[in-house]
Amino acid sequence: ASHQAEADKVRQVKNAEAEAEARYLSGMGVARQRMAIVQGLQSSVAEFSQEVEGATPKDVMDILLLSQYFDTLSTVGANSLILEHDPATVAKLQRQVGVSFLRDGSGKDLLS
């Protein structure tokens, strides 16, 4: 009986360790995915800014954010949800997303 209890304990510990490792690896995958997205955006912004005379990185990000916003509206609209989308709300969303998206955890500007 005590051997069975000890075996159950070891099994539970091993399952918990495996679950913790799986969550860690999942988090690493999400972090890598986000880094790839940021690197892709940086590259796109740099290329667009060079190719289109007078376009600044901010102009490019404004276009990308607006495009993402409309994609979100389209997706959400397919589920019959209503979002406020007046210009002031869009501008506020743009500022919020822009500030958080264009800076890393230390506050460093990612486009610099």
Foldseek 3Di string as FASTA:
>chain_A
DVVVVVVVVVVVVVVVVVVVVVVVVVVVVVVVVLVVVLVVLLVVLVVVPVVDDPDHSVNVLLVVLVVVVVVVCVVVVVVVDDDDDDPVVSVVVSVVCCQVSQADPVSDGVND
